[in-house]
Structures are given as structure tokens and as C-alpha cells.
Amino acid sequence: MFKTFTAALVAGSIGQGALFAPAFAGGWVSTTYAPANARDAGALATGLRVYSLYHGLRGASIRQSGRRNVAGIAQNGRGNLGIIQQQGNGHSATLRQNGNDNAYGIFQFGRNTDANVVQNGDGDSGATFSYGW
């Protein structure tokens, strides 16, 4: 009886330790939206262009607040809009646009997120949103 009680006590203690374990540190979640048709791509591109006008951005724009953030945009073609906005620390992002009249936005918040996007073609649009902890 004593061995059974001791085993139950030890098993219960192990289970309690698992319930109060610290949260996993250092993760991130990201979602990307790439419209499947020209109508939706045009709507997203319009939204990104309105966003860029509101914030006084043109062509290619990188806005960062925080520390240890890195970003780069390369554009080949005309009429492209590329936006990278990073708030927090330790973010990394690259955007490469090949073609004409493309629009893409990368928005990173929190810390330590990573996004690398290549956009090929004409009249495409997309957006990536990331949050890291």
C-alpha cells in the first residue's frame, strides 16, 4: 500500500510540474496572402497603394523601429510598390520584385521574425504579416 501511495504521489508531482512549465520562448507566427485572381490582386494592390499614400511612401520603402532589424528591397521593372515595415527587434526581411505594376507589403511586429519574398510577373500583389515573441 505504501509503495502504491508513493508511486501515485511521484506521478502526481510529475504531472503538476508539466502543468506549471514555463512557456516556450522564441517563436513566431506568419501569414501570407497572395490573391488567386486578378480582381482580388487589384483590390489588394489598391489597398497597399492607399496605405503608401497615407504614410507618404513611394516605390520602395523600408520603415523600421527597434534594434537589430535588417531589410532590403530590389525592384526590376516599372510601377512596382514594395513596403517593409518592422516594429520590434531582430527582424529580417527581403523583397524582390521582377516585372511591372506589382505591389507587396511585409509587416513584422514583436521580435525575431524572418520573411523573404520574390514576386515575378506583372500586376501581382501580396502581403505577409508576422509576429514574433
N, C-alpha and C. Protein backbone atom coordinates (compact mmCIF):
# COMPACT_ATOMS: atom_id res chain seq x y z
N MET A 1 0.82 -1.19 0.00
CA MET A 1 0.00 0.00 0.00
C MET A 1 0.87 1.26 0.00
N PHE A 2 1.96 1.25 0.81
CA PHE A 2 2.84 2.41 0.88
C PHE A 2 3.52 2.66 -0.45
N LYS A 3 3.95 1.58 -1.15
CA LYS A 3 4.60 1.73 -2.46
C LYS A 3 3.62 2.30 -3.48
N THR A 4 2.38 1.88 -3.44
CA THR A 4 1.37 2.39 -4.36
C THR A 4 1.12 3.88 -4.12
N PHE A 5 1.03 4.26 -2.84
CA PHE A 5 0.82 5.66 -2.49
C PHE A 5 2.01 6.51 -2.94
N THR A 6 3.22 6.02 -2.71
CA THR A 6 4.44 6.74 -3.11
C THR A 6 4.49 6.91 -4.63
N ALA A 7 4.16 5.84 -5.36
CA ALA A 7 4.17 5.90 -6.82
C ALA A 7 3.13 6.90 -7.32
N ALA A 8 1.96 6.91 -6.71
CA ALA A 8 0.91 7.86 -7.10
C ALA A 8 1.34 9.29 -6.80
N LEU A 9 2.00 9.49 -5.66
CA LEU A 9 2.47 10.82 -5.28
C LEU A 9 3.53 11.32 -6.26
N VAL A 10 4.46 10.46 -6.63
CA VAL A 10 5.51 10.84 -7.58
C VAL A 10 4.90 11.14 -8.95
N ALA A 11 3.98 10.28 -9.40
CA ALA A 11 3.33 10.50 -10.70
C ALA A 11 2.54 11.81 -10.69
N GLY A 12 1.86 12.08 -9.60
CA GLY A 12 1.11 13.33 -9.49
C GLY A 12 2.01 14.55 -9.49
N SER A 13 3.17 14.43 -8.84
CA SER A 13 4.14 15.53 -8.81
C SER A 13 4.69 15.82 -10.20
N ILE A 14 4.97 14.76 -10.94
CA ILE A 14 5.48 14.94 -12.30
C ILE A 14 4.43 15.62 -13.16
N GLY A 15 3.18 15.21 -13.03
CA GLY A 15 2.10 15.82 -13.80
C GLY A 15 1.92 17.29 -13.45
N GLN A 16 2.05 17.64 -12.17
CA GLN A 16 1.92 19.04 -11.75
C GLN A 16 3.05 19.88 -12.33
N GLY A 17 4.24 19.32 -12.40
CA GLY A 17 5.37 20.05 -12.98
C GLY A 17 5.13 20.39 -14.43
N ALA A 18 4.49 19.48 -15.15
CA ALA A 18 4.19 19.74 -16.56
C ALA A 18 3.14 20.85 -16.71
N LEU A 19 2.21 20.93 -15.76
CA LEU A 19 1.19 21.96 -15.82
C LEU A 19 1.76 23.36 -15.60
N PHE A 20 2.83 23.46 -14.85
CA PHE A 20 3.39 24.75 -14.50
C PHE A 20 4.73 25.02 -15.17
N ALA A 21 5.01 24.33 -16.27
CA ALA A 21 6.25 24.56 -17.00
C ALA A 21 6.20 25.94 -17.66
N PRO A 22 7.35 26.60 -17.78
CA PRO A 22 7.36 27.93 -18.41
C PRO A 22 6.98 27.83 -19.89
N ALA A 23 6.43 28.90 -20.42
CA ALA A 23 6.03 28.96 -21.82
C ALA A 23 7.27 28.90 -22.71
N PHE A 24 7.10 28.32 -23.89
CA PHE A 24 8.18 28.26 -24.86
C PHE A 24 8.54 29.68 -25.29
N ALA A 25 9.80 30.01 -25.25
CA ALA A 25 10.26 31.35 -25.63
C ALA A 25 10.89 31.29 -27.02
N GLY A 26 10.67 32.33 -27.79
CA GLY A 26 11.36 32.47 -29.06
C GLY A 26 10.66 31.84 -30.24
N GLY A 27 9.42 32.14 -30.46
CA GLY A 27 8.73 31.63 -31.63
C GLY A 27 8.13 32.77 -32.43
N TRP A 28 7.54 32.43 -33.57
CA TRP A 28 6.85 33.43 -34.36
C TRP A 28 5.81 32.76 -35.24
N VAL A 29 4.84 33.56 -35.62
CA VAL A 29 3.77 33.10 -36.49
C VAL A 29 3.67 34.08 -37.65
N SER A 30 3.38 33.55 -38.82
CA SER A 30 3.33 34.39 -40.01
C SER A 30 2.22 33.92 -40.92
N THR A 31 1.58 34.86 -41.59
CA THR A 31 0.58 34.52 -42.59
C THR A 31 0.82 35.35 -43.84
N THR A 32 0.61 34.73 -44.98
CA THR A 32 0.82 35.40 -46.26
C THR A 32 -0.47 35.31 -47.07
N TYR A 33 -0.83 36.42 -47.69
CA TYR A 33 -1.99 36.44 -48.57
C TYR A 33 -1.53 36.77 -49.98
N ALA A 34 -1.79 35.86 -50.88
CA ALA A 34 -1.50 36.06 -52.31
C ALA A 34 -2.80 35.82 -53.07
N PRO A 35 -3.43 36.86 -53.57
CA PRO A 35 -4.72 36.71 -54.25
C PRO A 35 -4.65 35.72 -55.41
N ALA A 36 -5.74 34.98 -55.58
CA ALA A 36 -5.79 33.93 -56.61
C ALA A 36 -6.30 34.44 -57.96
N ASN A 37 -6.88 35.64 -57.99
CA ASN A 37 -7.39 36.14 -59.27
C ASN A 37 -7.05 37.62 -59.42
N ALA A 38 -7.21 38.12 -60.63
CA ALA A 38 -6.81 39.50 -60.95
C ALA A 38 -7.64 40.53 -60.19
N ARG A 39 -8.93 40.25 -59.98
CA ARG A 39 -9.79 41.20 -59.26
C ARG A 39 -9.31 41.39 -57.82
N ASP A 40 -9.04 40.28 -57.13
CA ASP A 40 -8.57 40.36 -55.75
C ASP A 40 -7.17 40.95 -55.67
N ALA A 41 -6.32 40.63 -56.65
CA ALA A 41 -4.97 41.20 -56.69
C ALA A 41 -5.04 42.72 -56.86
N GLY A 42 -5.95 43.17 -57.70
CA GLY A 42 -6.13 44.61 -57.89
C GLY A 42 -6.63 45.30 -56.63
N ALA A 43 -7.55 44.65 -55.92
CA ALA A 43 -8.08 45.23 -54.68
C ALA A 43 -6.99 45.34 -53.62
N LEU A 44 -6.17 44.29 -53.48
CA LEU A 44 -5.08 44.35 -52.51
C LEU A 44 -4.05 45.40 -52.92
N ALA A 45 -3.72 45.46 -54.20
CA ALA A 45 -2.76 46.47 -54.68
C ALA A 45 -3.27 47.87 -54.39
N THR A 46 -4.57 48.10 -54.60
CA THR A 46 -5.16 49.41 -54.30
C THR A 46 -5.04 49.72 -52.82
N GLY A 47 -5.32 48.74 -51.98
CA GLY A 47 -5.18 48.94 -50.53
C GLY A 47 -3.76 49.28 -50.13
N LEU A 48 -2.78 48.58 -50.70
CA LEU A 48 -1.38 48.87 -50.40
C LEU A 48 -0.97 50.25 -50.91
N ARG A 49 -1.49 50.65 -52.06
CA ARG A 49 -1.16 51.97 -52.60
C ARG A 49 -1.80 53.08 -51.75
N VAL A 50 -3.01 52.87 -51.27
CA VAL A 50 -3.65 53.84 -50.37
C VAL A 50 -2.85 53.94 -49.07
N TYR A 51 -2.44 52.79 -48.54
CA TYR A 51 -1.60 52.76 -47.33
C TYR A 51 -0.32 53.56 -47.56
N SER A 52 0.31 53.36 -48.73
CA SER A 52 1.57 54.06 -49.01
C SER A 52 1.34 55.56 -49.16
N LEU A 53 0.24 55.97 -49.78
CA LEU A 53 -0.07 57.39 -49.89
C LEU A 53 -0.30 58.02 -48.52
N TYR A 54 -1.05 57.31 -47.69
CA TYR A 54 -1.35 57.82 -46.34
C TYR A 54 -0.08 58.04 -45.53
N HIS A 55 0.89 57.13 -45.70
CA HIS A 55 2.14 57.22 -44.94
C HIS A 55 3.25 57.94 -45.69
N GLY A 56 2.94 58.49 -46.87
CA GLY A 56 3.93 59.24 -47.63
C GLY A 56 5.04 58.38 -48.23
N LEU A 57 4.72 57.16 -48.61
CA LEU A 57 5.71 56.23 -49.15
C LEU A 57 5.58 56.19 -50.68
N ARG A 58 6.71 55.93 -51.36
CA ARG A 58 6.69 55.82 -52.81
C ARG A 58 7.62 54.71 -53.25
N GLY A 59 7.22 53.96 -54.25
CA GLY A 59 8.08 52.96 -54.87
C GLY A 59 8.51 51.85 -53.93
N ALA A 60 9.65 52.03 -53.31
CA ALA A 60 10.19 51.06 -52.36
C ALA A 60 10.41 51.77 -51.04
N SER A 61 9.89 51.21 -49.97
CA SER A 61 10.01 51.88 -48.68
C SER A 61 10.27 50.87 -47.58
N ILE A 62 11.24 51.19 -46.74
CA ILE A 62 11.56 50.38 -45.57
C ILE A 62 11.43 51.28 -44.35
N ARG A 63 10.57 50.90 -43.42
CA ARG A 63 10.39 51.66 -42.18
C ARG A 63 10.63 50.71 -41.02
N GLN A 64 11.57 51.09 -40.15
CA GLN A 64 11.94 50.22 -39.03
C GLN A 64 11.97 51.01 -37.74
N SER A 65 11.47 50.40 -36.68
CA SER A 65 11.68 50.95 -35.35
C SER A 65 12.06 49.78 -34.46
N GLY A 66 13.11 49.96 -33.70
CA GLY A 66 13.65 48.89 -32.88
C GLY A 66 15.14 48.74 -33.14
N ARG A 67 15.68 47.61 -32.75
CA ARG A 67 17.12 47.36 -32.90
C ARG A 67 17.35 46.06 -33.65
N ARG A 68 18.52 46.00 -34.29
CA ARG A 68 18.99 44.81 -34.99
C ARG A 68 18.04 44.32 -36.09
N ASN A 69 17.34 45.24 -36.74
CA ASN A 69 16.48 44.89 -37.88
C ASN A 69 17.27 45.06 -39.17
N VAL A 70 17.05 44.15 -40.12
CA VAL A 70 17.67 44.27 -41.44
C VAL A 70 16.60 44.06 -42.50
N ALA A 71 16.72 44.80 -43.60
CA ALA A 71 15.74 44.67 -44.68
C ALA A 71 16.33 45.17 -45.98
N GLY A 72 15.80 44.64 -47.08
CA GLY A 72 16.23 45.10 -48.40
C GLY A 72 15.14 44.87 -49.43
N ILE A 73 15.08 45.79 -50.39
CA ILE A 73 14.12 45.68 -51.49
C ILE A 73 14.87 45.86 -52.80
N ALA A 74 14.62 44.96 -53.77
CA ALA A 74 15.17 45.08 -55.12
C ALA A 74 14.00 45.04 -56.09
N GLN A 75 13.96 45.98 -57.01
CA GLN A 75 12.87 46.05 -57.99
C GLN A 75 13.42 46.13 -59.39
N ASN A 76 12.92 45.27 -60.26
CA ASN A 76 13.24 45.28 -61.68
C ASN A 76 11.94 45.45 -62.43
N GLY A 77 11.75 46.60 -63.06
CA GLY A 77 10.51 46.88 -63.78
C GLY A 77 10.02 48.27 -63.42
N ARG A 78 8.78 48.58 -63.82
CA ARG A 78 8.24 49.91 -63.55
C ARG A 78 6.91 49.77 -62.81
N GLY A 79 6.57 50.82 -62.05
CA GLY A 79 5.29 50.88 -61.36
C GLY A 79 5.16 49.93 -60.18
N ASN A 80 6.26 49.41 -59.67
CA ASN A 80 6.20 48.49 -58.53
C ASN A 80 6.12 49.24 -57.22
N LEU A 81 5.45 48.65 -56.25
CA LEU A 81 5.38 49.17 -54.89
C LEU A 81 5.81 48.08 -53.94
N GLY A 82 6.82 48.37 -53.14
CA GLY A 82 7.31 47.42 -52.14
C GLY A 82 7.39 48.10 -50.79
N ILE A 83 6.77 47.52 -49.78
CA ILE A 83 6.75 48.09 -48.44
C ILE A 83 7.26 47.04 -47.45
N ILE A 84 8.22 47.44 -46.63
CA ILE A 84 8.64 46.61 -45.50
C ILE A 84 8.53 47.48 -44.26
N GLN A 85 7.73 47.04 -43.30
CA GLN A 85 7.59 47.75 -42.04
C GLN A 85 7.91 46.78 -40.91
N GLN A 86 8.87 47.17 -40.07
CA GLN A 86 9.30 46.33 -38.96
C GLN A 86 9.24 47.13 -37.67
N GLN A 87 8.55 46.59 -36.68
CA GLN A 87 8.48 47.20 -35.37
C GLN A 87 8.88 46.15 -34.35
N GLY A 88 9.91 46.46 -33.59
CA GLY A 88 10.44 45.50 -32.63
C GLY A 88 11.90 45.26 -32.92
N ASN A 89 12.41 44.14 -32.46
CA ASN A 89 13.85 43.87 -32.55
C ASN A 89 14.14 42.57 -33.27
N GLY A 90 15.26 42.56 -34.02
CA GLY A 90 15.79 41.34 -34.61
C GLY A 90 15.05 40.81 -35.82
N HIS A 91 14.34 41.65 -36.54
CA HIS A 91 13.60 41.20 -37.74
C HIS A 91 14.52 41.19 -38.95
N SER A 92 14.17 40.34 -39.92
CA SER A 92 14.89 40.27 -41.19
C SER A 92 13.87 40.12 -42.31
N ALA A 93 14.01 40.92 -43.37
CA ALA A 93 13.08 40.83 -44.49
C ALA A 93 13.76 41.25 -45.79
N THR A 94 13.43 40.52 -46.86
CA THR A 94 13.85 40.92 -48.20
C THR A 94 12.65 40.79 -49.14
N LEU A 95 12.59 41.69 -50.09
CA LEU A 95 11.54 41.67 -51.11
C LEU A 95 12.18 41.93 -52.46
N ARG A 96 11.96 41.03 -53.40
CA ARG A 96 12.48 41.19 -54.76
C ARG A 96 11.28 41.16 -55.71
N GLN A 97 11.14 42.21 -56.51
CA GLN A 97 10.04 42.30 -57.47
C GLN A 97 10.60 42.36 -58.88
N ASN A 98 10.18 41.43 -59.72
CA ASN A 98 10.58 41.36 -61.12
C ASN A 98 9.33 41.45 -61.97
N GLY A 99 9.20 42.51 -62.75
CA GLY A 99 8.02 42.72 -63.57
C GLY A 99 7.51 44.14 -63.37
N ASN A 100 6.28 44.36 -63.80
CA ASN A 100 5.70 45.70 -63.76
C ASN A 100 4.40 45.73 -62.95
N ASP A 101 4.17 46.86 -62.30
CA ASP A 101 2.92 47.13 -61.59
C ASP A 101 2.59 46.10 -60.51
N ASN A 102 3.61 45.66 -59.80
CA ASN A 102 3.42 44.74 -58.68
C ASN A 102 3.33 45.53 -57.38
N ALA A 103 2.68 44.95 -56.38
CA ALA A 103 2.58 45.57 -55.06
C ALA A 103 2.70 44.48 -54.00
N TYR A 104 3.54 44.73 -53.00
CA TYR A 104 3.71 43.75 -51.92
C TYR A 104 4.06 44.48 -50.64
N GLY A 105 3.51 44.00 -49.53
CA GLY A 105 3.81 44.55 -48.22
C GLY A 105 4.24 43.48 -47.25
N ILE A 106 5.31 43.73 -46.53
CA ILE A 106 5.78 42.85 -45.45
C ILE A 106 5.68 43.65 -44.16
N PHE A 107 4.94 43.13 -43.20
CA PHE A 107 4.71 43.81 -41.93
C PHE A 107 5.11 42.87 -40.80
N GLN A 108 6.14 43.25 -40.03
CA GLN A 108 6.66 42.40 -38.97
C GLN A 108 6.61 43.14 -37.64
N PHE A 109 6.14 42.43 -36.61
CA PHE A 109 5.99 43.00 -35.28
C PHE A 109 6.55 42.04 -34.24
N GLY A 110 6.84 42.57 -33.06
CA GLY A 110 7.39 41.72 -32.00
C GLY A 110 8.89 41.62 -32.13
N ARG A 111 9.38 40.38 -32.26
CA ARG A 111 10.83 40.21 -32.40
C ARG A 111 11.17 38.93 -33.16
N ASN A 112 12.32 38.99 -33.81
CA ASN A 112 12.97 37.84 -34.44
C ASN A 112 12.12 37.11 -35.48
N THR A 113 11.49 37.84 -36.37
CA THR A 113 10.77 37.21 -37.48
C THR A 113 11.60 37.31 -38.75
N ASP A 114 11.25 36.51 -39.75
CA ASP A 114 12.03 36.45 -40.98
C ASP A 114 11.06 36.27 -42.16
N ALA A 115 11.20 37.10 -43.17
CA ALA A 115 10.38 36.99 -44.38
C ALA A 115 11.24 37.29 -45.60
N ASN A 116 11.18 36.41 -46.58
CA ASN A 116 11.90 36.58 -47.84
C ASN A 116 10.93 36.29 -48.97
N VAL A 117 10.64 37.30 -49.79
CA VAL A 117 9.61 37.19 -50.82
C VAL A 117 10.21 37.53 -52.18
N VAL A 118 9.87 36.73 -53.19
CA VAL A 118 10.21 37.02 -54.58
C VAL A 118 8.89 37.07 -55.34
N GLN A 119 8.68 38.17 -56.05
CA GLN A 119 7.44 38.39 -56.80
C GLN A 119 7.82 38.54 -58.27
N ASN A 120 7.36 37.60 -59.10
CA ASN A 120 7.65 37.63 -60.54
C ASN A 120 6.36 37.79 -61.31
N GLY A 121 6.39 38.57 -62.39
CA GLY A 121 5.23 38.76 -63.23
C GLY A 121 4.78 40.20 -63.25
N ASP A 122 3.60 40.42 -63.79
CA ASP A 122 3.05 41.76 -63.91
C ASP A 122 1.69 41.83 -63.22
N GLY A 123 1.46 42.93 -62.49
CA GLY A 123 0.16 43.15 -61.87
C GLY A 123 -0.16 42.26 -60.70
N ASP A 124 0.85 41.69 -60.05
CA ASP A 124 0.62 40.83 -58.90
C ASP A 124 0.64 41.63 -57.61
N SER A 125 0.08 41.06 -56.56
CA SER A 125 0.13 41.70 -55.26
C SER A 125 0.13 40.63 -54.18
N GLY A 126 0.51 41.04 -52.96
CA GLY A 126 0.52 40.11 -51.84
C GLY A 126 0.93 40.83 -50.58
N ALA A 127 0.76 40.14 -49.47
CA ALA A 127 1.12 40.72 -48.16
C ALA A 127 1.50 39.60 -47.21
N THR A 128 2.49 39.90 -46.38
CA THR A 128 2.92 38.97 -45.33
C THR A 128 2.88 39.71 -44.01
N PHE A 129 2.26 39.09 -43.01
CA PHE A 129 2.19 39.63 -41.66
C PHE A 129 2.83 38.63 -40.71
N SER A 130 3.78 39.10 -39.89
CA SER A 130 4.48 38.22 -38.96
C SER A 130 4.51 38.84 -37.57
N TYR A 131 4.42 37.98 -36.56
CA TYR A 131 4.56 38.42 -35.17
C TYR A 131 5.44 37.41 -34.45
N GLY A 132 6.47 37.93 -33.78
CA GLY A 132 7.38 37.07 -33.04
C GLY A 132 7.41 37.39 -31.56
N TRP A 133 7.72 36.39 -30.76
CA TRP A 133 7.82 36.59 -29.32
C TRP A 133 9.07 35.96 -28.78
